[in-house]
C-alpha cells in the first residue's frame, strides 16, 4: 500500500488518518489500472484517491483548496457511503471525521475562512456548543 502513487498525498491531506482503515478497491471498469485506495471504518466509506487528487496545495493563502464541486451554501461536496447509503457530504466534515476517527454526532463543522473551497487544517473548526458560536480548531480538540 505504501507503494501506491496516491499514498503520500493521502498522508499530506489526512495527517492523522488511521492507516489500518485504508483499503484497496479496484474500479469496476478499469481492470488494468492501479486500484484506488478507499477509507472504510464501517460507518463511512469513500474513495481517498479521488478525493486527494482533487486537492491542490498552495504556498500562500489557504494551503489546501478543493477543485471539485462546491455546494451553493459554500462548502466542498464529496460523495461517500454513509452507513451503506450513498450521500453527498461536506468535505470539511469528512476530513475532520477521518482525522479524528469519530462520527462527530451533534457537532457542527465550520470554516473560519472566507474561501468556500478551503480545506486547510488551520481554517477548519467545529462547534460543539451552538450557543457560544466560537469555533474550536479540531487540532486543539483532540
Foldseek 3Di string as FASTA:
>chain_A
DCPDPCNVLLCVLQVQADVVQWDFDADPVDPPDGTFIWGCPQFKIATSSVFSVQWDADDDDFRIFGNADFDPVQFDWGWIQGNNHIDTDGPLLVSLCRNVVHNQPQKAKDFQDPHSRHNHQVGIFIDNDVVVPDTDRSVVVD
